[in-house]
Amino acid sequence: MNIVGRAKSPTPKFFKVLRSIGMALLAISGSIIAAPVILPVAVVSIARYAALAGGVISIISQITVDDTANREQAITNRLKKDNQNLPRDGIK
């Protein structure tokens, strides 16, 4: 499975929550970094590390795949393909 396929696959609930936390961390730290006022160097440095951590958490959480949902989707697709050529009653 490639990266695009993993990103489009269903994500487990825990990782959806974790992705939201990472995005919030990224947004807060981004606003601190872009603040028009002069902030202490330590605050800006912590905000940079928080932005990095938030981005990594969000990316890893997005590409985590729910295997049970993938198996169910594969079974559904296979059944649809198998049923595609079956004769229908009353339909010619």
PDB file of N, CA and C in Angstrom:
ATOM      1  N   MET A   1       0.859  -1.175   0.000  1.00  0.00           N
ATOM      2  CA  MET A   1       0.000   0.000   0.000  1.00  0.00           C
ATOM      3  C   MET A   1       0.904   1.237   0.000  1.00  0.00           C
ATOM      4  N   ASN A   2       0.651   2.151  -0.919  1.00  0.00           N
ATOM      5  CA  ASN A   2       1.469   3.353  -1.009  1.00  0.00           C
ATOM      6  C   ASN A   2       0.938   4.443  -0.064  1.00  0.00           C
ATOM      7  N   ILE A   3       1.636   5.561  -0.017  1.00  0.00           N
ATOM      8  CA  ILE A   3       1.292   6.646   0.908  1.00  0.00           C
ATOM      9  C   ILE A   3      -0.083   7.225   0.601  1.00  0.00           C
ATOM     10  N   VAL A   4      -0.401   7.409  -0.669  1.00  0.00           N
ATOM     11  CA  VAL A   4      -1.703   7.981  -1.036  1.00  0.00           C
ATOM     12  C   VAL A   4      -2.828   7.041  -0.603  1.00  0.00           C
ATOM     13  N   GLY A   5      -2.629   5.755  -0.822  1.00  0.00           N
ATOM     14  CA  GLY A   5      -3.631   4.773  -0.400  1.00  0.00           C
ATOM     15  C   GLY A   5      -3.811   4.761   1.107  1.00  0.00           C
ATOM     16  N   ARG A   6      -2.699   4.897   1.835  1.00  0.00           N
ATOM     17  CA  ARG A   6      -2.787   4.928   3.298  1.00  0.00           C
ATOM     18  C   ARG A   6      -3.502   6.189   3.777  1.00  0.00           C
ATOM     19  N   ALA A   7      -3.244   7.309   3.114  1.00  0.00           N
ATOM     20  CA  ALA A   7      -3.878   8.560   3.528  1.00  0.00           C
ATOM     21  C   ALA A   7      -5.380   8.538   3.266  1.00  0.00           C
ATOM     22  N   LYS A   8      -5.806   7.815   2.219  1.00  0.00           N
ATOM     23  CA  LYS A   8      -7.228   7.743   1.892  1.00  0.00           C
ATOM     24  C   LYS A   8      -7.957   6.653   2.666  1.00  0.00           C
ATOM     25  N   SER A   9      -7.226   5.743   3.288  1.00  0.00           N
ATOM     26  CA  SER A   9      -7.840   4.639   4.031  1.00  0.00           C
ATOM     27  C   SER A   9      -8.452   5.138   5.333  1.00  0.00           C
ATOM     28  N   PRO A  10      -9.380   4.370   5.902  1.00  0.00           N
ATOM     29  CA  PRO A  10      -9.985   4.762   7.178  1.00  0.00           C
ATOM     30  C   PRO A  10      -8.951   4.802   8.306  1.00  0.00           C
ATOM     31  N   THR A  11      -9.117   5.761   9.202  1.00  0.00           N
ATOM     32  CA  THR A  11      -8.218   5.941  10.336  1.00  0.00           C
ATOM     33  C   THR A  11      -8.938   5.526  11.614  1.00  0.00           C
ATOM     34  N   PRO A  12      -8.255   4.813  12.529  1.00  0.00           N
ATOM     35  CA  PRO A  12      -8.890   4.453  13.801  1.00  0.00           C
ATOM     36  C   PRO A  12      -9.266   5.701  14.611  1.00  0.00           C
ATOM     37  N   LYS A  13     -10.258   5.554  15.484  1.00  0.00           N
ATOM     38  CA  LYS A  13     -10.790   6.688  16.242  1.00  0.00           C
ATOM     39  C   LYS A  13      -9.715   7.353  17.100  1.00  0.00           C
ATOM     40  N   PHE A  14      -8.884   6.551  17.777  1.00  0.00           N
ATOM     41  CA  PHE A  14      -7.835   7.111  18.628  1.00  0.00           C
ATOM     42  C   PHE A  14      -6.914   8.025  17.830  1.00  0.00           C
ATOM     43  N   PHE A  15      -6.556   7.607  16.630  1.00  0.00           N
ATOM     44  CA  PHE A  15      -5.641   8.400  15.824  1.00  0.00           C
ATOM     45  C   PHE A  15      -6.320   9.623  15.225  1.00  0.00           C
ATOM     46  N   LYS A  16      -7.638   9.594  15.066  1.00  0.00           N
ATOM     47  CA  LYS A  16      -8.357  10.801  14.645  1.00  0.00           C
ATOM     48  C   LYS A  16      -8.273  11.863  15.733  1.00  0.00           C
ATOM     49  N   VAL A  17      -8.442  11.431  16.994  1.00  0.00           N
ATOM     50  CA  VAL A  17      -8.331  12.361  18.126  1.00  0.00           C
ATOM     51  C   VAL A  17      -6.906  12.890  18.218  1.00  0.00           C
ATOM     52  N   LEU A  18      -5.935  11.992  18.080  1.00  0.00           N
ATOM     53  CA  LEU A  18      -4.532  12.389  18.144  1.00  0.00           C
ATOM     54  C   LEU A  18      -4.181  13.361  17.016  1.00  0.00           C
ATOM     55  N   ARG A  19      -4.739  13.149  15.829  1.00  0.00           N
ATOM     56  CA  ARG A  19      -4.514  14.050  14.694  1.00  0.00           C
ATOM     57  C   ARG A  19      -5.068  15.439  15.001  1.00  0.00           C
ATOM     58  N   SER A  20      -6.241  15.494  15.624  1.00  0.00           N
ATOM     59  CA  SER A  20      -6.834  16.789  15.983  1.00  0.00           C
ATOM     60  C   SER A  20      -5.986  17.512  17.020  1.00  0.00           C
ATOM     61  N   ILE A  21      -5.459  16.766  17.979  1.00  0.00           N
ATOM     62  CA  ILE A  21      -4.580  17.371  18.989  1.00  0.00           C
ATOM     63  C   ILE A  21      -3.319  17.921  18.323  1.00  0.00           C
ATOM     64  N   GLY A  22      -2.752  17.161  17.403  1.00  0.00           N
ATOM     65  CA  GLY A  22      -1.563  17.622  16.689  1.00  0.00           C
ATOM     66  C   GLY A  22      -1.828  18.873  15.873  1.00  0.00           C
ATOM     67  N   MET A  23      -2.991  18.929  15.225  1.00  0.00           N
ATOM     68  CA  MET A  23      -3.335  20.118  14.439  1.00  0.00           C
ATOM     69  C   MET A  23      -3.535  21.337  15.339  1.00  0.00           C
ATOM     70  N   ALA A  24      -4.149  21.129  16.504  1.00  0.00           N
ATOM     71  CA  ALA A  24      -4.335  22.237  17.443  1.00  0.00           C
ATOM     72  C   ALA A  24      -2.986  22.736  17.954  1.00  0.00           C
ATOM     73  N   LEU A  25      -2.099  21.805  18.273  1.00  0.00           N
ATOM     74  CA  LEU A  25      -0.759  22.170  18.729  1.00  0.00           C
ATOM     75  C   LEU A  25      -0.017  22.947  17.646  1.00  0.00           C
ATOM     76  N   LEU A  26      -0.167  22.520  16.424  1.00  0.00           N
ATOM     77  CA  LEU A  26       0.463  23.197  15.292  1.00  0.00           C
ATOM     78  C   LEU A  26      -0.100  24.607  15.104  1.00  0.00           C
ATOM     79  N   ALA A  27      -1.406  24.761  15.234  1.00  0.00           N
ATOM     80  CA  ALA A  27      -2.035  26.078  15.061  1.00  0.00           C
ATOM     81  C   ALA A  27      -1.625  27.048  16.168  1.00  0.00           C
ATOM     82  N   ILE A  28      -1.628  26.571  17.395  1.00  0.00           N
ATOM     83  CA  ILE A  28      -1.260  27.441  18.523  1.00  0.00           C
ATOM     84  C   ILE A  28       0.197  27.870  18.415  1.00  0.00           C
ATOM     85  N   SER A  29       1.071  26.917  18.138  1.00  0.00           N
ATOM     86  CA  SER A  29       2.490  27.264  18.042  1.00  0.00           C
ATOM     87  C   SER A  29       2.757  28.158  16.827  1.00  0.00           C
ATOM     88  N   GLY A  30       2.024  27.950  15.751  1.00  0.00           N
ATOM     89  CA  GLY A  30       2.183  28.814  14.584  1.00  0.00           C
ATOM     90  C   GLY A  30       1.777  30.248  14.870  1.00  0.00           C
ATOM     91  N   SER A  31       0.718  30.414  15.650  1.00  0.00           N
ATOM     92  CA  SER A  31       0.304  31.780  15.994  1.00  0.00           C
ATOM     93  C   SER A  31       1.295  32.438  16.949  1.00  0.00           C
ATOM     94  N   ILE A  32       1.929  31.663  17.797  1.00  0.00           N
ATOM     95  CA  ILE A  32       2.949  32.228  18.691  1.00  0.00           C
ATOM     96  C   ILE A  32       4.175  32.637  17.882  1.00  0.00           C
ATOM     97  N   ILE A  33       4.574  31.792  16.944  1.00  0.00           N
ATOM     98  CA  ILE A  33       5.748  32.105  16.120  1.00  0.00           C
ATOM     99  C   ILE A  33       5.494  33.348  15.265  1.00  0.00           C
ATOM    100  N   ALA A  34       4.286  33.492  14.740  1.00  0.00           N
ATOM    101  CA  ALA A  34       3.972  34.609  13.843  1.00  0.00           C
ATOM    102  C   ALA A  34       3.470  35.849  14.579  1.00  0.00           C
ATOM    103  N   ALA A  35       3.541  35.856  15.893  1.00  0.00           N
ATOM    104  CA  ALA A  35       3.043  37.002  16.666  1.00  0.00           C
ATOM    105  C   ALA A  35       3.831  38.268  16.304  1.00  0.00           C
ATOM    106  N   PRO A  36       3.119  39.391  16.136  1.00  0.00           N
ATOM    107  CA  PRO A  36       3.796  40.632  15.744  1.00  0.00           C
ATOM    108  C   PRO A  36       4.532  41.325  16.894  1.00  0.00           C
ATOM    109  N   VAL A  37       4.440  40.775  18.093  1.00  0.00           N
ATOM    110  CA  VAL A  37       5.133  41.367  19.236  1.00  0.00           C
ATOM    111  C   VAL A  37       6.415  40.587  19.502  1.00  0.00           C
ATOM    112  N   ILE A  38       7.312  41.219  20.209  1.00  0.00           N
ATOM    113  CA  ILE A  38       8.578  40.570  20.538  1.00  0.00           C
ATOM    114  C   ILE A  38       8.357  39.673  21.752  1.00  0.00           C
ATOM    115  N   LEU A  39       8.636  38.395  21.573  1.00  0.00           N
ATOM    116  CA  LEU A  39       8.492  37.415  22.641  1.00  0.00           C
ATOM    117  C   LEU A  39       9.873  36.915  23.042  1.00  0.00           C
ATOM    118  N   PRO A  40      10.001  36.415  24.264  1.00  0.00           N
ATOM    119  CA  PRO A  40      11.298  35.863  24.676  1.00  0.00           C
ATOM    120  C   PRO A  40      11.735  34.717  23.753  1.00  0.00           C
ATOM    121  N   VAL A  41      13.024  34.578  23.621  1.00  0.00           N
ATOM    122  CA  VAL A  41      13.582  33.564  22.731  1.00  0.00           C
ATOM    123  C   VAL A  41      13.145  32.166  23.163  1.00  0.00           C
ATOM    124  N   ALA A  42      13.045  31.928  24.456  1.00  0.00           N
ATOM    125  CA  ALA A  42      12.652  30.606  24.952  1.00  0.00           C
ATOM    126  C   ALA A  42      11.230  30.256  24.513  1.00  0.00           C
ATOM    127  N   VAL A  43      10.334  31.237  24.544  1.00  0.00           N
ATOM    128  CA  VAL A  43       8.943  30.992  24.144  1.00  0.00           C
ATOM    129  C   VAL A  43       8.871  30.653  22.654  1.00  0.00           C
ATOM    130  N   VAL A  44       9.580  31.395  21.848  1.00  0.00           N
ATOM    131  CA  VAL A  44       9.579  31.143  20.403  1.00  0.00           C
ATOM    132  C   VAL A  44      10.236  29.799  20.097  1.00  0.00           C
ATOM    133  N   SER A  45      11.297  29.476  20.814  1.00  0.00           N
ATOM    134  CA  SER A  45      11.974  28.198  20.605  1.00  0.00           C
ATOM    135  C   SER A  45      11.065  27.028  20.972  1.00  0.00           C
ATOM    136  N   ILE A  46      10.357  27.138  22.083  1.00  0.00           N
ATOM    137  CA  ILE A  46       9.411  26.090  22.488  1.00  0.00           C
ATOM    138  C   ILE A  46       8.284  25.980  21.464  1.00  0.00           C
ATOM    139  N   ALA A  47       7.827  27.112  20.951  1.00  0.00           N
ATOM    140  CA  ALA A  47       6.763  27.096  19.943  1.00  0.00           C
ATOM    141  C   ALA A  47       7.227  26.408  18.660  1.00  0.00           C
ATOM    142  N   ARG A  48       8.482  26.599  18.295  1.00  0.00           N
ATOM    143  CA  ARG A  48       9.007  25.921  17.100  1.00  0.00           C
ATOM    144  C   ARG A  48       9.026  24.409  17.290  1.00  0.00           C
ATOM    145  N   TYR A  49       9.482  23.959  18.456  1.00  0.00           N
ATOM    146  CA  TYR A  49       9.491  22.518  18.726  1.00  0.00           C
ATOM    147  C   TYR A  49       8.068  21.961  18.806  1.00  0.00           C
ATOM    148  N   ALA A  50       7.152  22.748  19.358  1.00  0.00           N
ATOM    149  CA  ALA A  50       5.753  22.307  19.430  1.00  0.00           C
ATOM    150  C   ALA A  50       5.146  22.212  18.029  1.00  0.00           C
ATOM    151  N   ALA A  51       5.513  23.130  17.146  1.00  0.00           N
ATOM    152  CA  ALA A  51       5.021  23.068  15.766  1.00  0.00           C
ATOM    153  C   ALA A  51       5.549  21.820  15.068  1.00  0.00           C
ATOM    154  N   LEU A  52       6.803  21.514  15.284  1.00  0.00           N
ATOM    155  CA  LEU A  52       7.385  20.309  14.699  1.00  0.00           C
ATOM    156  C   LEU A  52       6.687  19.059  15.236  1.00  0.00           C
ATOM    157  N   ALA A  53       6.497  19.010  16.554  1.00  0.00           N
ATOM    158  CA  ALA A  53       5.831  17.853  17.163  1.00  0.00           C
ATOM    159  C   ALA A  53       4.390  17.722  16.672  1.00  0.00           C
ATOM    160  N   GLY A  54       3.674  18.832  16.580  1.00  0.00           N
ATOM    161  CA  GLY A  54       2.295  18.798  16.101  1.00  0.00           C
ATOM    162  C   GLY A  54       2.196  18.319  14.668  1.00  0.00           C
ATOM    163  N   GLY A  55       3.117  18.749  13.834  1.00  0.00           N
ATOM    164  CA  GLY A  55       3.127  18.298  12.442  1.00  0.00           C
ATOM    165  C   GLY A  55       3.415  16.814  12.316  1.00  0.00           C
ATOM    166  N   VAL A  56       4.387  16.338  13.081  1.00  0.00           N
ATOM    167  CA  VAL A  56       4.733  14.914  13.030  1.00  0.00           C
ATOM    168  C   VAL A  56       3.584  14.064  13.557  1.00  0.00           C
ATOM    169  N   ILE A  57       2.978  14.478  14.665  1.00  0.00           N
ATOM    170  CA  ILE A  57       1.842  13.733  15.229  1.00  0.00           C
ATOM    171  C   ILE A  57       0.700  13.670  14.218  1.00  0.00           C
ATOM    172  N   SER A  58       0.417  14.774  13.573  1.00  0.00           N
ATOM    173  CA  SER A  58      -0.685  14.810  12.603  1.00  0.00           C
ATOM    174  C   SER A  58      -0.410  13.925  11.395  1.00  0.00           C
ATOM    175  N   ILE A  59       0.798  13.961  10.894  1.00  0.00           N
ATOM    176  CA  ILE A  59       1.133  13.158   9.716  1.00  0.00           C
ATOM    177  C   ILE A  59       1.093  11.672  10.041  1.00  0.00           C
ATOM    178  N   ILE A  60       1.704  11.282  11.140  1.00  0.00           N
ATOM    179  CA  ILE A  60       1.717   9.867  11.520  1.00  0.00           C
ATOM    180  C   ILE A  60       0.299   9.378  11.788  1.00  0.00           C
ATOM    181  N   SER A  61      -0.508  10.205  12.428  1.00  0.00           N
ATOM    182  CA  SER A  61      -1.887   9.807  12.717  1.00  0.00           C
ATOM    183  C   SER A  61      -2.709   9.662  11.447  1.00  0.00           C
ATOM    184  N   GLN A  62      -2.436  10.469  10.446  1.00  0.00           N
ATOM    185  CA  GLN A  62      -3.208  10.400   9.206  1.00  0.00           C
ATOM    186  C   GLN A  62      -2.894   9.143   8.406  1.00  0.00           C
ATOM    187  N   ILE A  63      -1.650   8.691   8.423  1.00  0.00           N
ATOM    188  CA  ILE A  63      -1.301   7.522   7.610  1.00  0.00           C
ATOM    189  C   ILE A  63      -1.444   6.206   8.364  1.00  0.00           C
ATOM    190  N   THR A  64      -1.961   6.248   9.595  1.00  0.00           N
ATOM    191  CA  THR A  64      -2.253   5.016  10.317  1.00  0.00           C
ATOM    192  C   THR A  64      -3.550   4.443   9.767  1.00  0.00           C
ATOM    193  N   VAL A  65      -3.542   3.149   9.472  1.00  0.00           N
ATOM    194  CA  VAL A  65      -4.658   2.516   8.775  1.00  0.00           C
ATOM    195  C   VAL A  65      -5.396   1.569   9.713  1.00  0.00           C
ATOM    196  N   ASP A  66      -6.719   1.586   9.618  1.00  0.00           N
ATOM    197  CA  ASP A  66      -7.568   0.655  10.357  1.00  0.00           C
ATOM    198  C   ASP A  66      -7.701  -0.613   9.519  1.00  0.00           C
ATOM    199  N   ASP A  67      -7.007  -1.682   9.932  1.00  0.00           N
ATOM    200  CA  ASP A  67      -6.971  -2.911   9.132  1.00  0.00           C
ATOM    201  C   ASP A  67      -8.329  -3.585   9.023  1.00  0.00           C
ATOM    202  N   THR A  68      -9.136  -3.537  10.079  1.00  0.00           N
ATOM    203  CA  THR A  68     -10.444  -4.196  10.004  1.00  0.00           C
ATOM    204  C   THR A  68     -11.332  -3.514   8.973  1.00  0.00           C
ATOM    205  N   ALA A  69     -11.277  -2.203   8.911  1.00  0.00           N
ATOM    206  CA  ALA A  69     -12.072  -1.479   7.912  1.00  0.00           C
ATOM    207  C   ALA A  69     -11.567  -1.793   6.502  1.00  0.00           C
ATOM    208  N   ASN A  70     -10.250  -1.926   6.358  1.00  0.00           N
ATOM    209  CA  ASN A  70      -9.699  -2.283   5.043  1.00  0.00           C
ATOM    210  C   ASN A  70     -10.149  -3.669   4.615  1.00  0.00           C
ATOM    211  N   ARG A  71     -10.148  -4.625   5.557  1.00  0.00           N
ATOM    212  CA  ARG A  71     -10.590  -5.976   5.225  1.00  0.00           C
ATOM    213  C   ARG A  71     -12.058  -5.984   4.839  1.00  0.00           C
ATOM    214  N   GLU A  72     -12.881  -5.252   5.594  1.00  0.00           N
ATOM    215  CA  GLU A  72     -14.308  -5.186   5.276  1.00  0.00           C
ATOM    216  C   GLU A  72     -14.532  -4.554   3.905  1.00  0.00           C
ATOM    217  N   GLN A  73     -13.777  -3.520   3.590  1.00  0.00           N
ATOM    218  CA  GLN A  73     -13.899  -2.863   2.288  1.00  0.00           C
ATOM    219  C   GLN A  73     -13.473  -3.807   1.169  1.00  0.00           C
ATOM    220  N   ALA A  74     -12.416  -4.575   1.391  1.00  0.00           N
ATOM    221  CA  ALA A  74     -11.959  -5.530   0.374  1.00  0.00           C
ATOM    222  C   ALA A  74     -13.001  -6.622   0.146  1.00  0.00           C
ATOM    223  N   ILE A  75     -13.619  -7.098   1.223  1.00  0.00           N
ATOM    224  CA  ILE A  75     -14.664  -8.120   1.095  1.00  0.00           C
ATOM    225  C   ILE A  75     -15.857  -7.560   0.329  1.00  0.00           C
ATOM    226  N   THR A  76     -16.260  -6.344   0.662  1.00  0.00           N
ATOM    227  CA  THR A  76     -17.387  -5.709  -0.026  1.00  0.00           C
ATOM    228  C   THR A  76     -17.091  -5.538  -1.514  1.00  0.00           C
ATOM    229  N   ASN A  77     -15.893  -5.081  -1.832  1.00  0.00           N
ATOM    230  CA  ASN A  77     -15.520  -4.906  -3.245  1.00  0.00           C
ATOM    231  C   ASN A  77     -15.505  -6.234  -3.985  1.00  0.00           C
ATOM    232  N   ARG A  78     -14.997  -7.282  -3.331  1.00  0.00           N
ATOM    233  CA  ARG A  78     -14.953  -8.594  -3.972  1.00  0.00           C
ATOM    234  C   ARG A  78     -16.360  -9.133  -4.210  1.00  0.00           C
ATOM    235  N   LEU A  79     -17.256  -8.943  -3.224  1.00  0.00           N
ATOM    236  CA  LEU A  79     -18.634  -9.406  -3.393  1.00  0.00           C
ATOM    237  C   LEU A  79     -19.348  -8.640  -4.503  1.00  0.00           C
ATOM    238  N   LYS A  80     -19.108  -7.350  -4.594  1.00  0.00           N
ATOM    239  CA  LYS A  80     -19.706  -6.563  -5.676  1.00  0.00           C
ATOM    240  C   LYS A  80     -19.222  -7.062  -7.031  1.00  0.00           C
ATOM    241  N   LYS A  81     -17.933  -7.371  -7.109  1.00  0.00           N
ATOM    242  CA  LYS A  81     -17.374  -7.856  -8.370  1.00  0.00           C
ATOM    243  C   LYS A  81     -17.942  -9.233  -8.714  1.00  0.00           C
ATOM    244  N   ASP A  82     -18.088 -10.106  -7.704  1.00  0.00           N
ATOM    245  CA  ASP A  82     -18.650 -11.436  -7.935  1.00  0.00           C
ATOM    246  C   ASP A  82     -20.112 -11.366  -8.358  1.00  0.00           C
ATOM    247  N   ASN A  83     -20.864 -10.440  -7.787  1.00  0.00           N
ATOM    248  CA  ASN A  83     -22.291 -10.324  -8.091  1.00  0.00           C
ATOM    249  C   ASN A  83     -22.569  -9.579  -9.391  1.00  0.00           C
ATOM    250  N   GLN A  84     -21.565  -9.008  -9.962  1.00  0.00           N
ATOM    251  CA  GLN A  84     -21.749  -8.175 -11.144  1.00  0.00           C
ATOM    252  C   GLN A  84     -22.272  -8.974 -12.338  1.00  0.00           C
ATOM    253  N   ASN A  85     -21.818 -10.201 -12.507  1.00  0.00           N
ATOM    254  CA  ASN A  85     -22.178 -10.976 -13.692  1.00  0.00           C
ATOM    255  C   ASN A  85     -23.232 -12.045 -13.426  1.00  0.00           C
ATOM    256  N   LEU A  86     -23.851 -12.045 -12.262  1.00  0.00           N
ATOM    257  CA  LEU A  86     -24.889 -13.023 -11.965  1.00  0.00           C
ATOM    258  C   LEU A  86     -26.178 -12.657 -12.690  1.00  0.00           C
ATOM    259  N   PRO A  87     -26.939 -13.669 -13.134  1.00  0.00           N
ATOM    260  CA  PRO A  87     -28.217 -13.365 -13.794  1.00  0.00           C
ATOM    261  C   PRO A  87     -29.221 -12.809 -12.794  1.00  0.00           C
ATOM    262  N   ARG A  88     -30.028 -11.895 -13.237  1.00  0.00           N
ATOM    263  CA  ARG A  88     -31.056 -11.280 -12.400  1.00  0.00           C
ATOM    264  C   ARG A  88     -32.416 -11.821 -12.813  1.00  0.00           C
ATOM    265  N   ASP A  89     -33.300 -12.012 -11.877  1.00  0.00           N
ATOM    266  CA  ASP A  89     -34.653 -12.484 -12.183  1.00  0.00           C
ATOM    267  C   ASP A  89     -35.450 -11.359 -12.824  1.00  0.00           C
ATOM    268  N   GLY A  90     -35.984 -11.606 -14.011  1.00  0.00           N
ATOM    269  CA  GLY A  90     -36.834 -10.637 -14.678  1.00  0.00           C
ATOM    270  C   GLY A  90     -36.085  -9.565 -15.434  1.00  0.00           C
ATOM    271  N   ILE A  91     -34.763  -9.566 -15.376  1.00  0.00           N
ATOM    272  CA  ILE A  91     -33.982  -8.552 -16.078  1.00  0.00           C
ATOM    273  C   ILE A  91     -33.215  -9.241 -17.198  1.00  0.00           C
ATOM    274  N   LYS A  92     -33.333  -8.713 -18.401  1.00  0.00           N
ATOM    275  CA  LYS A  92     -32.622  -9.318 -19.536  1.00  0.00           C
ATOM    276  C   LYS A  92     -31.484  -8.458 -19.983  1.00  0.00           C
TER     277      LYS A  92
END
